[in-house]
Protein backbone atom coordinates (compact mmCIF):
# COMPACT_ATOMS: atom_id res chain seq x y z
CA MET A 1 -18.98 3.55 2.81
CA GLU A 2 -15.07 3.78 2.37
CA LYS A 3 -13.34 6.70 4.25
CA ASN A 4 -12.42 9.79 2.45
CA TRP A 5 -8.63 10.58 2.89
CA SER A 6 -8.62 13.81 0.90
CA GLU A 7 -8.67 16.24 3.76
CA LEU A 8 -5.47 14.59 5.17
CA SER A 9 -3.48 14.73 1.95
CA LYS A 10 -0.89 17.25 2.95
CA ASP A 11 0.42 15.72 6.01
CA PHE A 12 -0.78 12.05 5.52
CA ASP A 13 2.67 10.32 5.84
CA GLU A 14 3.43 12.30 9.10
CA ARG A 15 0.07 11.13 10.61
CA GLN A 16 1.02 7.55 9.66
CA LYS A 17 4.23 7.85 11.14
CA TYR A 18 2.66 9.22 14.47
CA VAL A 19 0.04 6.33 14.56
CA ALA A 20 2.37 3.61 13.61
CA GLY A 21 5.63 4.72 14.72
CA GLU A 22 8.94 5.72 13.10
CA GLU A 23 10.41 2.42 13.63
CA VAL A 24 8.10 0.33 11.81
CA VAL A 25 7.85 2.85 8.77
CA ASN A 26 11.65 2.88 8.55
CA LEU A 27 11.70 -0.80 8.46
CA ILE A 28 9.00 -0.63 5.73
CA THR A 29 11.15 1.70 3.55
CA ASP A 30 14.41 -0.25 4.21
CA LYS A 31 12.53 -3.37 2.82
CA ILE A 32 11.26 -1.63 -0.17
CA GLN A 33 14.81 -0.49 -1.06
CA THR A 34 15.81 -4.23 -1.08
CA LEU A 35 13.60 -4.99 -3.83
CA LYS A 36 15.15 -5.50 -7.27
CA TYR A 37 14.29 -5.31 -10.85
CA LEU A 38 10.74 -4.02 -10.51
CA GLY A 39 10.51 -2.78 -13.97
CA GLU A 40 7.20 -1.17 -14.95
CA VAL A 41 5.52 -0.39 -11.58
CA LEU A 42 1.81 0.59 -10.90
CA GLU A 43 1.29 1.86 -7.54
CA LEU A 44 -2.19 1.46 -6.27
CA GLY A 45 -3.32 3.89 -3.50
CA CYS A 46 -0.19 6.01 -3.53
CA GLY A 47 -1.32 8.61 -1.19
CA ASN A 48 0.68 11.59 -1.13
CA GLY A 49 3.75 9.79 -2.71
CA PHE A 50 5.76 8.93 0.48
CA TYR A 51 6.63 5.26 -0.76
CA THR A 52 6.94 6.04 -4.39
CA GLN A 53 10.07 7.88 -3.83
CA PHE A 54 11.57 4.70 -2.45
CA LEU A 55 10.28 2.30 -4.93
CA ILE A 56 11.64 4.40 -7.83
CA LYS A 57 15.21 3.17 -6.90
CA SER A 58 14.52 -0.19 -8.43
CA ALA A 59 11.90 0.67 -11.04
CA SER A 60 12.33 1.71 -14.68
CA HIS A 61 9.11 3.53 -14.40
CA ILE A 62 6.44 4.08 -11.85
CA THR A 63 2.64 5.12 -12.54
CA ALA A 64 1.49 6.10 -9.05
CA THR A 65 -2.25 6.37 -8.66
CA ASP A 66 -4.91 7.32 -5.96
CA ILE A 67 -8.56 7.96 -6.15
CA SER A 68 -8.35 10.99 -4.07
CA LYS A 69 -7.65 14.07 -6.32
CA ASP A 70 -6.05 15.96 -3.34
CA MET A 71 -3.76 12.95 -2.59
CA VAL A 72 -2.57 13.16 -6.24
CA THR A 73 -2.26 16.78 -6.07
CA VAL A 74 0.05 16.60 -3.20
CA ALA A 75 1.92 13.67 -4.74
CA LEU A 76 2.58 15.47 -8.02
CA GLU A 77 4.26 18.33 -6.17
CA LYS A 78 6.38 15.78 -3.90
CA LEU A 79 7.38 13.64 -7.11
CA ALA A 80 7.71 16.52 -9.60
CA ASP A 81 11.49 16.11 -9.92
CA TYR A 82 11.25 12.48 -11.01
CA LYS A 83 10.96 12.25 -14.65
CA ASN A 84 10.14 8.52 -14.59
CA ILE A 85 7.04 8.85 -12.41
CA LYS A 86 3.69 9.59 -13.57
CA VAL A 87 0.92 10.14 -11.21
CA GLU A 88 -2.66 9.83 -11.88
CA ILE A 89 -6.20 9.60 -10.53
CA LYS A 90 -7.53 5.90 -10.72
CA ASP A 91 -9.91 3.71 -8.98
CA ALA A 92 -8.20 0.51 -7.79
CA TYR A 93 -11.31 -1.49 -8.52
CA LYS A 94 -11.32 -0.45 -12.21
CA THR A 95 -8.13 1.04 -13.33
CA GLU A 96 -8.79 1.03 -17.10
CA TYR A 97 -5.28 -0.05 -17.84
CA GLU A 98 -4.84 -2.51 -20.55
CA SER A 99 -4.36 -6.25 -19.50
CA CYS A 100 -0.81 -7.57 -18.77
CA SER A 101 0.55 -3.93 -18.80
CA PHE A 102 2.83 -3.85 -15.77
CA ASP A 103 5.70 -5.98 -14.28
CA THR A 104 5.07 -4.97 -10.49
CA ILE A 105 2.07 -3.76 -8.63
CA PHE A 106 2.88 -2.18 -5.23
CA MET A 107 0.14 -1.22 -2.63
CA ALA A 108 1.00 0.28 0.87
CA ASN A 109 -1.85 0.27 3.66
CA LEU A 110 -4.55 0.04 1.00
CA ILE A 111 -5.97 -3.54 1.33
CA HIS A 112 -7.00 -3.07 4.75
CA VAL A 113 -9.06 -0.01 4.35
CA VAL A 114 -10.89 -1.02 1.18
CA GLU A 115 -14.49 -2.55 1.10
CA HIS A 116 -13.98 -5.15 -1.64
CA PRO A 117 -10.37 -6.31 -1.53
CA ASP A 118 -11.11 -9.34 -3.68
CA ILE A 119 -12.25 -6.99 -6.60
CA MET A 120 -9.15 -4.91 -6.38
CA LEU A 121 -6.94 -8.09 -6.33
CA GLN A 122 -8.70 -9.41 -9.46
CA GLU A 123 -7.96 -6.23 -11.19
CA ALA A 124 -4.39 -6.17 -10.06
CA LYS A 125 -3.95 -9.80 -11.51
CA ARG A 126 -5.71 -8.64 -14.69
CA ILE A 127 -3.12 -5.75 -15.48
CA LEU A 128 -0.08 -7.73 -14.26
CA LYS A 129 2.23 -9.43 -16.89
CA PRO A 130 2.45 -13.04 -16.67
CA GLN A 131 4.77 -13.97 -13.67
CA GLY A 132 4.36 -10.18 -12.61
CA ARG A 133 4.73 -9.40 -8.92
CA LEU A 134 2.10 -8.20 -6.34
CA ILE A 135 3.97 -6.40 -3.38
CA ILE A 136 1.66 -5.73 -0.41
CA SER A 137 2.68 -3.79 2.77
CA THR A 138 -0.12 -3.33 5.28
CA PHE A 139 -0.32 -2.32 8.98
CA THR A 140 -1.75 -4.74 11.32
CA THR A 141 -2.50 -5.45 14.99
CA TYR A 142 -1.62 -8.98 14.52
CA GLY A 143 1.34 -9.91 16.85
CA MET A 144 1.02 -6.70 18.86
CA ASP A 145 0.32 -6.86 22.65
CA GLU A 146 -3.13 -5.48 23.93
CA GLU A 147 -1.50 -2.57 25.62
CA GLU A 148 0.22 -1.50 22.37
CA VAL A 149 -3.10 -1.87 20.42
CA GLU A 150 -4.86 0.41 22.77
CA LYS A 151 -2.17 2.93 22.43
CA MET A 152 -2.21 2.72 18.59
CA ILE A 153 -5.96 3.06 18.54
CA GLU A 154 -5.94 6.28 20.62
CA ARG A 155 -3.12 7.74 18.14
CA TYR A 156 -5.24 6.59 15.24
CA LEU A 157 -8.34 8.41 16.39
CA LYS A 158 -6.44 11.60 17.24
CA ALA A 159 -4.65 11.55 13.87
CA PHE A 160 -7.24 10.23 11.63
CA GLY A 161 -10.86 10.27 13.50
CA GLN A 162 -13.03 7.14 13.22
CA PRO A 163 -11.65 4.33 10.95
CA PRO A 164 -13.40 3.41 7.84
CA LYS A 165 -16.39 0.81 8.21
CA SER A 166 -14.70 -1.34 5.78
CA GLY A 167 -11.36 -1.50 7.61
CA LYS A 168 -9.87 -4.77 8.55
CA SER A 169 -6.59 -6.08 10.29
CA TYR A 170 -5.26 -9.09 8.48
CA THR A 171 -3.18 -11.74 10.06
CA LEU A 172 -0.12 -13.07 8.01
CA ASP A 173 -2.16 -16.19 7.38
CA SER A 174 -5.52 -14.51 6.64
CA LEU A 175 -3.81 -12.22 4.04
CA LYS A 176 -1.80 -14.97 2.36
CA GLU A 177 -5.21 -17.04 2.07
CA LEU A 178 -7.04 -14.01 0.31
CA LEU A 179 -4.07 -13.64 -2.10
CA GLY A 180 -4.33 -17.42 -2.76
CA SER A 181 -8.07 -17.40 -3.33
CA CYS A 182 -7.37 -14.77 -5.94
CA GLY A 183 -4.93 -16.87 -7.82
CA PHE A 184 -1.71 -15.28 -6.44
CA LYS A 185 1.49 -17.60 -5.49
CA ILE A 186 3.05 -16.29 -2.27
CA GLN A 187 6.96 -15.76 -2.78
CA GLU A 188 7.70 -14.06 0.56
CA ALA A 189 5.72 -13.00 3.47
CA GLU A 190 6.97 -11.65 6.80
CA LEU A 191 5.93 -9.58 9.86
CA ILE A 192 8.06 -6.38 10.23
CA GLY A 193 8.09 -4.41 13.39
CA ASP A 194 8.68 -4.48 17.05
CA LYS A 195 5.79 -2.76 19.22
CA THR A 196 3.77 -1.71 16.11
CA LYS A 197 3.60 -4.17 13.09
CA SER A 198 3.35 -4.48 9.22
CA ILE A 199 2.75 -7.39 7.09
CA PHE A 200 5.19 -7.37 3.92
CA ILE A 201 4.17 -9.91 1.22
CA ILE A 202 5.49 -10.56 -2.32
CA SER A 203 3.41 -12.90 -4.37
CA ALA A 204 3.31 -13.77 -8.40
CA LYS A 205 0.65 -13.95 -10.72
């Protein structure tokens, strides 16, 4: 059973910053702002729209989606001033968008909490245009020392309660392997952060 994030929607991004730390979150947003020519973007698991506002700087249009109605409600409020952002409730396993619809798909901190990442990745591949890009950012304990992992777990439990049973912490290699098994070609992969870490991967259909 996957975790229900709806009750955390109003301050979700602040809770994430508390758990992961401002430093790594800022590095992720800096990395997002270096992306170019994203075109028509689909964001899966947009949450309350925190990363969407950075993505739009290099996108012609973003369709930001989340399965949580409460997350979408908060995202609609946060992103109301952006005319080229549409926010919708969608299931990442079955989006119902037409095949080959998007130039770029972006997901932040989604793949490590879903129960069936392979199903989600196959759906992403279906709706990406030929040569379209899949961009993934996901927090990880990979590369962290044991003391920092313990501290982060304590912060997580305080901020979010028990983690989803489906949750998984990927390594750089294991996430690259998963993407490869689903037919994606890795273009760029790196580990971001000092004390706490995030994997950032750009791959192509």
